């Protein structure tokens, strides 16, 4: 199963007022393990950033003067997320902004007009509210609840938040052997950024096989007699036994 944990930063909160995306960060999970693949782009929004938004993420218009416009990175983004399940915290917000950006693209671009054209979406905020009703379920609260290190999160950042959300999502849904989102780092370096989960090691022991006693086999046959009688002779267990006997006979 391929999942993309994704986050965005924007010029403001209201997409309906023309606010735009200024940063996209995403990391890839395959079968609940980080692959090390990521997508990270700053985007020139072609409009002013609200002061309130700047206080959250610390990104100014001057920082984005040389950044590409969304139209220039849209194809690469869609290619990266194609066929995956998007894991997003408060997905309505991010999906709304992504769809608004895609809708601005000219039809001649030949790109999807909605981010979900080739993706599904899992909203971790909705999941957290189901699991922890009546509690705070923002990303910082979930980090505290699940013991995820977010000490580097002084300001919001799309890639940083995507990495933290990946750790939170895996912890919420059962964890995994190692939460190393940056492939190639040493365990010591990874431990400095987040709390790891130690994998269980299966003991090196032979498999113990217990066979039924004659008394247990007799009890089993009596039970099958009752099942056959009650079902009018349609005892699936005995039919499977007969199929195995025929298959063995055909091999001889």
C-alpha atoms as a PDB file:
ATOM      1  CA  UNK A   1       0.000   0.000   0.000  1.00  0.00           C
ATOM      2  CA  UNK A   2       1.409   3.369  -1.017  1.00  0.00           C
ATOM      3  CA  UNK A   3       0.599   6.454   1.054  1.00  0.00           C
ATOM      4  CA  UNK A   4       1.706  10.065   0.744  1.00  0.00           C
ATOM      5  CA  UNK A   5       1.676  12.111   3.952  1.00  0.00           C
ATOM      6  CA  UNK A   6       1.142  15.700   2.825  1.00  0.00           C
ATOM      7  CA  UNK A   7       0.934  19.213   4.235  1.00  0.00           C
ATOM      8  CA  UNK A   8       0.721  22.729   2.808  1.00  0.00           C
ATOM      9  CA  UNK A   9       1.377  26.279   3.965  1.00  0.00           C
ATOM     10  CA  UNK A  10      -0.660  29.138   2.536  1.00  0.00           C
ATOM     11  CA  UNK A  11      -0.941  32.919   2.327  1.00  0.00           C
ATOM     12  CA  UNK A  12      -4.027  32.851   4.541  1.00  0.00           C
ATOM     13  CA  UNK A  13      -6.858  30.681   5.808  1.00  0.00           C
ATOM     14  CA  UNK A  14      -9.676  31.387   3.342  1.00  0.00           C
ATOM     15  CA  UNK A  15      -9.310  29.754  -0.050  1.00  0.00           C
ATOM     16  CA  UNK A  16     -12.541  31.417  -1.146  1.00  0.00           C
ATOM     17  CA  UNK A  17     -10.854  34.821  -0.714  1.00  0.00           C
ATOM     18  CA  UNK A  18      -8.172  33.899  -3.191  1.00  0.00           C
ATOM     19  CA  UNK A  19      -5.481  32.782  -0.771  1.00  0.00           C
ATOM     20  CA  UNK A  20      -2.797  30.599  -2.331  1.00  0.00           C
ATOM     21  CA  UNK A  21      -0.384  27.787  -1.515  1.00  0.00           C
ATOM     22  CA  UNK A  22       3.196  28.834  -0.754  1.00  0.00           C
ATOM     23  CA  UNK A  23       4.732  25.505   0.337  1.00  0.00           C
ATOM     24  CA  UNK A  24       3.994  21.811  -0.259  1.00  0.00           C
ATOM     25  CA  UNK A  25       5.723  19.021   1.658  1.00  0.00           C
ATOM     26  CA  UNK A  26       5.074  15.300   1.303  1.00  0.00           C
ATOM     27  CA  UNK A  27       6.754  12.030   2.278  1.00  0.00           C
ATOM     28  CA  UNK A  28       6.123   8.544   0.924  1.00  0.00           C
ATOM     29  CA  UNK A  29       5.172   5.445   2.901  1.00  0.00           C
ATOM     30  CA  UNK A  30       4.949   2.000   1.309  1.00  0.00           C
ATOM     31  CA  UNK A  31       3.420  -0.736   3.436  1.00  0.00           C
ATOM     32  CA  UNK A  32       3.723   1.600   6.447  1.00  0.00           C
ATOM     33  CA  UNK A  33       7.454   2.125   5.997  1.00  0.00           C
ATOM     34  CA  UNK A  34       9.169   5.328   4.908  1.00  0.00           C
ATOM     35  CA  UNK A  35      10.909   5.008   1.564  1.00  0.00           C
ATOM     36  CA  UNK A  36      12.963   8.193   1.853  1.00  0.00           C
ATOM     37  CA  UNK A  37      11.200   9.688  -1.183  1.00  0.00           C
ATOM     38  CA  UNK A  38       9.801  13.158  -0.647  1.00  0.00           C
ATOM     39  CA  UNK A  39       8.275  16.082  -2.521  1.00  0.00           C
ATOM     40  CA  UNK A  40       9.047  19.589  -1.290  1.00  0.00           C
ATOM     41  CA  UNK A  41       8.475  22.857  -3.104  1.00  0.00           C
ATOM     42  CA  UNK A  42       8.133  26.509  -2.185  1.00  0.00           C
ATOM     43  CA  UNK A  43       5.673  28.310  -4.447  1.00  0.00           C
ATOM     44  CA  UNK A  44       5.381  31.940  -5.508  1.00  0.00           C
ATOM     45  CA  UNK A  45       1.733  32.765  -4.678  1.00  0.00           C
ATOM     46  CA  UNK A  46       1.546  35.900  -6.836  1.00  0.00           C
ATOM     47  CA  UNK A  47      -0.161  37.745  -3.973  1.00  0.00           C
ATOM     48  CA  UNK A  48       0.638  39.120  -0.544  1.00  0.00           C
ATOM     49  CA  UNK A  49       0.925  36.840   2.493  1.00  0.00           C
ATOM     50  CA  UNK A  50      -1.296  37.768   5.435  1.00  0.00           C
ATOM     51  CA  UNK A  51       0.590  38.860   8.548  1.00  0.00           C
ATOM     52  CA  UNK A  52      -1.305  36.282  10.603  1.00  0.00           C
ATOM     53  CA  UNK A  53      -0.216  33.487   8.286  1.00  0.00           C
ATOM     54  CA  UNK A  54       3.377  34.765   8.274  1.00  0.00           C
ATOM     55  CA  UNK A  55       3.398  34.567  12.076  1.00  0.00           C
ATOM     56  CA  UNK A  56       2.497  30.861  11.824  1.00  0.00           C
ATOM     57  CA  UNK A  57       4.992  29.708   9.182  1.00  0.00           C
ATOM     58  CA  UNK A  58       7.530  32.540   9.074  1.00  0.00           C
ATOM     59  CA  UNK A  59       7.585  32.712   5.255  1.00  0.00           C
ATOM     60  CA  UNK A  60       7.579  36.157   3.608  1.00  0.00           C
ATOM     61  CA  UNK A  61       6.966  37.254   0.028  1.00  0.00           C
ATOM     62  CA  UNK A  62      10.651  38.110  -0.235  1.00  0.00           C
ATOM     63  CA  UNK A  63      11.496  34.490   0.595  1.00  0.00           C
ATOM     64  CA  UNK A  64       9.402  33.345  -2.383  1.00  0.00           C
ATOM     65  CA  UNK A  65      10.541  35.877  -4.975  1.00  0.00           C
ATOM     66  CA  UNK A  66      12.548  33.281  -6.888  1.00  0.00           C
ATOM     67  CA  UNK A  67      10.229  30.328  -6.270  1.00  0.00           C
ATOM     68  CA  UNK A  68       8.308  28.663  -9.129  1.00  0.00           C
ATOM     69  CA  UNK A  69       4.604  29.299  -9.624  1.00  0.00           C
ATOM     70  CA  UNK A  70       2.180  26.476  -8.908  1.00  0.00           C
ATOM     71  CA  UNK A  71       1.636  25.834 -12.612  1.00  0.00           C
ATOM     72  CA  UNK A  72       5.336  25.029 -12.919  1.00  0.00           C
ATOM     73  CA  UNK A  73       5.319  22.317 -10.248  1.00  0.00           C
ATOM     74  CA  UNK A  74       1.788  20.940 -10.679  1.00  0.00           C
ATOM     75  CA  UNK A  75       2.795  18.143 -13.045  1.00  0.00           C
ATOM     76  CA  UNK A  76       5.562  16.894 -10.743  1.00  0.00           C
ATOM     77  CA  UNK A  77       3.205  17.006  -7.740  1.00  0.00           C
ATOM     78  CA  UNK A  78       0.481  15.012  -9.493  1.00  0.00           C
ATOM     79  CA  UNK A  79       3.026  12.468 -10.670  1.00  0.00           C
ATOM     80  CA  UNK A  80       4.367  12.041  -7.126  1.00  0.00           C
ATOM     81  CA  UNK A  81       0.944  11.433  -5.555  1.00  0.00           C
ATOM     82  CA  UNK A  82      -0.611   9.417  -8.409  1.00  0.00           C
ATOM     83  CA  UNK A  83      -2.305   6.241  -7.240  1.00  0.00           C
ATOM     84  CA  UNK A  84      -1.572   6.842  -3.552  1.00  0.00           C
ATOM     85  CA  UNK A  85      -3.696   7.411  -0.487  1.00  0.00           C
ATOM     86  CA  UNK A  86      -3.083  10.957   0.769  1.00  0.00           C
ATOM     87  CA  UNK A  87      -2.731  11.184   4.555  1.00  0.00           C
ATOM     88  CA  UNK A  88      -3.531  14.769   5.590  1.00  0.00           C
ATOM     89  CA  UNK A  89      -4.406  16.414   8.914  1.00  0.00           C
ATOM     90  CA  UNK A  90      -7.560  18.492   8.427  1.00  0.00           C
ATOM     91  CA  UNK A  91      -7.749  17.325   4.828  1.00  0.00           C
ATOM     92  CA  UNK A  92     -10.612  19.666   3.893  1.00  0.00           C
ATOM     93  CA  UNK A  93      -8.244  22.624   4.204  1.00  0.00           C
ATOM     94  CA  UNK A  94      -5.346  21.261   2.153  1.00  0.00           C
ATOM     95  CA  UNK A  95      -7.491  19.544  -0.473  1.00  0.00           C
ATOM     96  CA  UNK A  96      -9.506  22.748  -0.917  1.00  0.00           C
ATOM     97  CA  UNK A  97      -6.358  24.753  -1.598  1.00  0.00           C
ATOM     98  CA  UNK A  98      -4.869  22.109  -3.905  1.00  0.00           C
ATOM     99  CA  UNK A  99      -8.099  21.871  -5.907  1.00  0.00           C
ATOM    100  CA  UNK A 100      -8.279  25.651  -6.187  1.00  0.00           C
ATOM    101  CA  UNK A 101      -4.709  25.758  -7.537  1.00  0.00           C
ATOM    102  CA  UNK A 102      -5.404  22.982 -10.038  1.00  0.00           C
ATOM    103  CA  UNK A 103      -8.595  24.700 -11.176  1.00  0.00           C
ATOM    104  CA  UNK A 104      -6.538  27.794 -12.094  1.00  0.00           C
ATOM    105  CA  UNK A 105      -4.412  25.828 -14.547  1.00  0.00           C
ATOM    106  CA  UNK A 106      -5.246  26.297 -18.222  1.00  0.00           C
ATOM    107  CA  UNK A 107      -7.011  23.373 -19.847  1.00  0.00           C
ATOM    108  CA  UNK A 108      -4.161  23.229 -22.331  1.00  0.00           C
ATOM    109  CA  UNK A 109      -1.950  21.962 -19.490  1.00  0.00           C
ATOM    110  CA  UNK A 110      -3.790  18.649 -19.691  1.00  0.00           C
ATOM    111  CA  UNK A 111      -3.583  18.084 -15.927  1.00  0.00           C
ATOM    112  CA  UNK A 112      -6.212  16.899 -13.469  1.00  0.00           C
ATOM    113  CA  UNK A 113      -8.496  19.597 -12.068  1.00  0.00           C
ATOM    114  CA  UNK A 114      -8.809  17.902  -8.659  1.00  0.00           C
ATOM    115  CA  UNK A 115      -6.122  16.349  -6.463  1.00  0.00           C
ATOM    116  CA  UNK A 116      -8.364  13.321  -5.844  1.00  0.00           C
ATOM    117  CA  UNK A 117      -8.629  12.498  -9.552  1.00  0.00           C
ATOM    118  CA  UNK A 118      -6.073   9.709  -9.036  1.00  0.00           C
ATOM    119  CA  UNK A 119      -5.880   9.559  -5.215  1.00  0.00           C
ATOM    120  CA  UNK A 120      -7.907   8.798  -2.143  1.00  0.00           C
ATOM    121  CA  UNK A 121      -7.679  10.837   1.076  1.00  0.00           C
ATOM    122  CA  UNK A 122      -7.417   9.809   4.727  1.00  0.00           C
ATOM    123  CA  UNK A 123      -8.064  12.689   7.159  1.00  0.00           C
ATOM    124  CA  UNK A 124      -6.074  12.104  10.353  1.00  0.00           C
ATOM    125  CA  UNK A 125      -8.005  14.856  12.142  1.00  0.00           C
ATOM    126  CA  UNK A 126     -11.283  12.996  11.578  1.00  0.00           C
ATOM    127  CA  UNK A 127      -9.573   9.775  12.651  1.00  0.00           C
ATOM    128  CA  UNK A 128      -8.210  11.395  15.813  1.00  0.00           C
ATOM    129  CA  UNK A 129     -11.637  12.797  16.699  1.00  0.00           C
ATOM    130  CA  UNK A 130     -13.112   9.307  16.445  1.00  0.00           C
ATOM    131  CA  UNK A 131     -10.354   7.834  18.590  1.00  0.00           C
ATOM    132  CA  UNK A 132     -10.180  10.684  21.137  1.00  0.00           C
ATOM    133  CA  UNK A 133     -13.589  12.403  21.267  1.00  0.00           C
ATOM    134  CA  UNK A 134     -13.769  15.585  23.290  1.00  0.00           C
ATOM    135  CA  UNK A 135      -9.990  16.043  23.369  1.00  0.00           C
ATOM    136  CA  UNK A 136      -7.623  18.399  21.569  1.00  0.00           C
ATOM    137  CA  UNK A 137      -6.535  16.731  18.352  1.00  0.00           C
ATOM    138  CA  UNK A 138      -4.261  19.239  16.650  1.00  0.00           C
ATOM    139  CA  UNK A 139      -0.832  18.005  15.600  1.00  0.00           C
ATOM    140  CA  UNK A 140       0.960  19.285  18.709  1.00  0.00           C
ATOM    141  CA  UNK A 141      -1.594  17.604  21.007  1.00  0.00           C
ATOM    142  CA  UNK A 142      -1.258  14.323  19.142  1.00  0.00           C
ATOM    143  CA  UNK A 143       2.523  14.496  19.350  1.00  0.00           C
ATOM    144  CA  UNK A 144       2.267  14.849  23.118  1.00  0.00           C
ATOM    145  CA  UNK A 145      -0.317  12.045  23.364  1.00  0.00           C
ATOM    146  CA  UNK A 146       1.763   9.580  21.340  1.00  0.00           C
ATOM    147  CA  UNK A 147       5.222  10.620  22.516  1.00  0.00           C
ATOM    148  CA  UNK A 148       6.359  12.030  19.161  1.00  0.00           C
ATOM    149  CA  UNK A 149       9.253  14.506  19.347  1.00  0.00           C
ATOM    150  CA  UNK A 150       8.166  17.818  17.799  1.00  0.00           C
ATOM    151  CA  UNK A 151      10.716  20.003  19.577  1.00  0.00           C
ATOM    152  CA  UNK A 152      11.969  21.345  16.221  1.00  0.00           C
ATOM    153  CA  UNK A 153       8.512  22.695  15.361  1.00  0.00           C
ATOM    154  CA  UNK A 154       8.864  26.316  16.473  1.00  0.00           C
ATOM    155  CA  UNK A 155       7.140  27.419  13.257  1.00  0.00           C
ATOM    156  CA  UNK A 156       4.918  25.444  10.914  1.00  0.00           C
ATOM    157  CA  UNK A 157       6.622  24.063   7.811  1.00  0.00           C
ATOM    158  CA  UNK A 158       5.029  21.801   5.219  1.00  0.00           C
ATOM    159  CA  UNK A 159       7.807  19.200   4.980  1.00  0.00           C
ATOM    160  CA  UNK A 160       8.536  19.171   8.722  1.00  0.00           C
ATOM    161  CA  UNK A 161       4.826  18.845   9.516  1.00  0.00           C
ATOM    162  CA  UNK A 162       4.420  16.044   6.952  1.00  0.00           C
ATOM    163  CA  UNK A 163       7.257  14.120   8.600  1.00  0.00           C
ATOM    164  CA  UNK A 164       5.801  14.631  12.071  1.00  0.00           C
ATOM    165  CA  UNK A 165       2.333  13.666  10.844  1.00  0.00           C
ATOM    166  CA  UNK A 166       3.749  10.434   9.379  1.00  0.00           C
ATOM    167  CA  UNK A 167       5.077   9.518  12.840  1.00  0.00           C
ATOM    168  CA  UNK A 168       1.755  10.451  14.467  1.00  0.00           C
ATOM    169  CA  UNK A 169      -0.306   8.517  11.903  1.00  0.00           C
ATOM    170  CA  UNK A 170       1.794   5.365  12.317  1.00  0.00           C
ATOM    171  CA  UNK A 171       1.558   5.621  16.112  1.00  0.00           C
ATOM    172  CA  UNK A 172      -2.211   6.175  15.955  1.00  0.00           C
ATOM    173  CA  UNK A 173      -2.758   3.180  13.726  1.00  0.00           C
ATOM    174  CA  UNK A 174      -0.468   0.643  15.336  1.00  0.00           C
ATOM    175  CA  UNK A 175       3.114   1.818  14.842  1.00  0.00           C
ATOM    176  CA  UNK A 176       5.902   0.109  12.912  1.00  0.00           C
ATOM    177  CA  UNK A 177       9.388  -1.226  13.471  1.00  0.00           C
ATOM    178  CA  UNK A 178      11.317   1.986  12.784  1.00  0.00           C
ATOM    179  CA  UNK A 179      10.111   5.518  12.215  1.00  0.00           C
ATOM    180  CA  UNK A 180      13.140   6.770  10.246  1.00  0.00           C
ATOM    181  CA  UNK A 181      11.689   9.119   7.653  1.00  0.00           C
ATOM    182  CA  UNK A 182      15.084  10.174   6.316  1.00  0.00           C
ATOM    183  CA  UNK A 183      16.651   7.191   4.596  1.00  0.00           C
ATOM    184  CA  UNK A 184      20.368   6.762   5.087  1.00  0.00           C
ATOM    185  CA  UNK A 185      20.660   8.489   8.451  1.00  0.00           C
ATOM    186  CA  UNK A 186      22.345   6.682  11.301  1.00  0.00           C
ATOM    187  CA  UNK A 187      20.121   5.478  14.189  1.00  0.00           C
ATOM    188  CA  UNK A 188      21.826   7.993  16.472  1.00  0.00           C
ATOM    189  CA  UNK A 189      21.004  10.876  14.138  1.00  0.00           C
ATOM    190  CA  UNK A 190      17.425   9.734  13.688  1.00  0.00           C
ATOM    191  CA  UNK A 191      16.957   9.386  17.439  1.00  0.00           C
ATOM    192  CA  UNK A 192      17.965  13.016  17.873  1.00  0.00           C
ATOM    193  CA  UNK A 193      14.898  14.159  15.926  1.00  0.00           C
ATOM    194  CA  UNK A 194      12.171  11.735  16.968  1.00  0.00           C
ATOM    195  CA  UNK A 195      11.482   8.898  19.335  1.00  0.00           C
ATOM    196  CA  UNK A 196      11.913   5.506  17.650  1.00  0.00           C
ATOM    197  CA  UNK A 197       9.954   2.327  18.218  1.00  0.00           C
ATOM    198  CA  UNK A 198      12.027  -0.775  18.844  1.00  0.00           C
ATOM    199  CA  UNK A 199      11.085  -3.756  16.698  1.00  0.00           C
ATOM    200  CA  UNK A 200      10.236  -7.007  18.453  1.00  0.00           C
ATOM    201  CA  UNK A 201      12.640  -9.863  17.742  1.00  0.00           C
ATOM    202  CA  UNK A 202      11.160 -13.350  17.429  1.00  0.00           C
ATOM    203  CA  UNK A 203      13.082 -15.895  19.573  1.00  0.00           C
ATOM    204  CA  UNK A 204      15.063 -18.452  17.601  1.00  0.00           C
ATOM    205  CA  UNK A 205      13.113 -21.534  18.643  1.00  0.00           C
ATOM    206  CA  UNK A 206      11.593 -24.485  16.844  1.00  0.00           C
ATOM    207  CA  UNK A 207       7.872 -24.537  16.149  1.00  0.00           C
ATOM    208  CA  UNK A 208       6.015 -26.747  18.615  1.00  0.00           C
ATOM    209  CA  UNK A 209       3.395 -28.934  16.911  1.00  0.00           C
ATOM    210  CA  UNK A 210       0.754 -30.682  19.017  1.00  0.00           C
ATOM    211  CA  UNK A 211      -1.247 -33.538  17.494  1.00  0.00           C
ATOM    212  CA  UNK A 212      -4.710 -34.620  18.564  1.00  0.00           C
ATOM    213  CA  UNK A 213      -5.112 -37.633  20.857  1.00  0.00           C
ATOM    214  CA  UNK A 214      -7.266 -40.603  19.769  1.00  0.00           C
ATOM    215  CA  UNK A 215      -9.961 -39.459  22.213  1.00  0.00           C
ATOM    216  CA  UNK A 216      -9.952 -35.940  20.720  1.00  0.00           C
ATOM    217  CA  UNK A 217     -10.188 -37.364  17.200  1.00  0.00           C
ATOM    218  CA  UNK A 218     -13.169 -39.498  18.233  1.00  0.00           C
ATOM    219  CA  UNK A 219     -14.910 -36.471  19.778  1.00  0.00           C
ATOM    220  CA  UNK A 220     -14.212 -34.540  16.576  1.00  0.00           C
ATOM    221  CA  UNK A 221     -15.804 -37.248  14.414  1.00  0.00           C
ATOM    222  CA  UNK A 222     -18.891 -37.333  16.636  1.00  0.00           C
ATOM    223  CA  UNK A 223     -19.253 -33.562  16.264  1.00  0.00           C
ATOM    224  CA  UNK A 224     -18.958 -33.871  12.484  1.00  0.00           C
ATOM    225  CA  UNK A 225     -21.694 -36.525  12.543  1.00  0.00           C
ATOM    226  CA  UNK A 226     -23.988 -34.039  14.308  1.00  0.00           C
ATOM    227  CA  UNK A 227     -23.132 -31.284  11.816  1.00  0.00           C
ATOM    228  CA  UNK A 228     -23.739 -33.592   8.855  1.00  0.00           C
ATOM    229  CA  UNK A 229     -27.103 -34.664  10.269  1.00  0.00           C
ATOM    230  CA  UNK A 230     -28.242 -31.114  10.998  1.00  0.00           C
ATOM    231  CA  UNK A 231     -27.144 -29.853   7.558  1.00  0.00           C
ATOM    232  CA  UNK A 232     -28.617 -32.665   5.534  1.00  0.00           C
ATOM    233  CA  UNK A 233     -25.229 -34.108   4.684  1.00  0.00           C
ATOM    234  CA  UNK A 234     -23.625 -30.781   3.753  1.00  0.00           C
ATOM    235  CA  UNK A 235     -20.656 -30.873   6.107  1.00  0.00           C
ATOM    236  CA  UNK A 236     -18.043 -28.615   4.530  1.00  0.00           C
ATOM    237  CA  UNK A 237     -15.234 -29.891   6.767  1.00  0.00           C
ATOM    238  CA  UNK A 238     -15.734 -33.489   5.621  1.00  0.00           C
ATOM    239  CA  UNK A 239     -16.067 -32.384   2.013  1.00  0.00           C
ATOM    240  CA  UNK A 240     -12.645 -30.681   2.298  1.00  0.00           C
ATOM    241  CA  UNK A 241     -11.225 -33.893   3.772  1.00  0.00           C
ATOM    242  CA  UNK A 242     -12.603 -35.878   0.821  1.00  0.00           C
ATOM    243  CA  UNK A 243     -11.125 -33.377  -1.628  1.00  0.00           C
ATOM    244  CA  UNK A 244      -7.696 -33.772  -0.011  1.00  0.00           C
ATOM    245  CA  UNK A 245      -7.998 -37.577  -0.132  1.00  0.00           C
ATOM    246  CA  UNK A 246      -8.889 -37.497  -3.851  1.00  0.00           C
ATOM    247  CA  UNK A 247      -6.030 -35.097  -4.592  1.00  0.00           C
ATOM    248  CA  UNK A 248      -3.571 -37.377  -2.752  1.00  0.00           C
ATOM    249  CA  UNK A 249      -4.875 -40.423  -4.628  1.00  0.00           C
ATOM    250  CA  UNK A 250      -4.490 -38.685  -7.989  1.00  0.00           C
ATOM    251  CA  UNK A 251      -0.847 -37.902  -7.187  1.00  0.00           C
ATOM    252  CA  UNK A 252       0.013 -41.542  -6.517  1.00  0.00           C
END
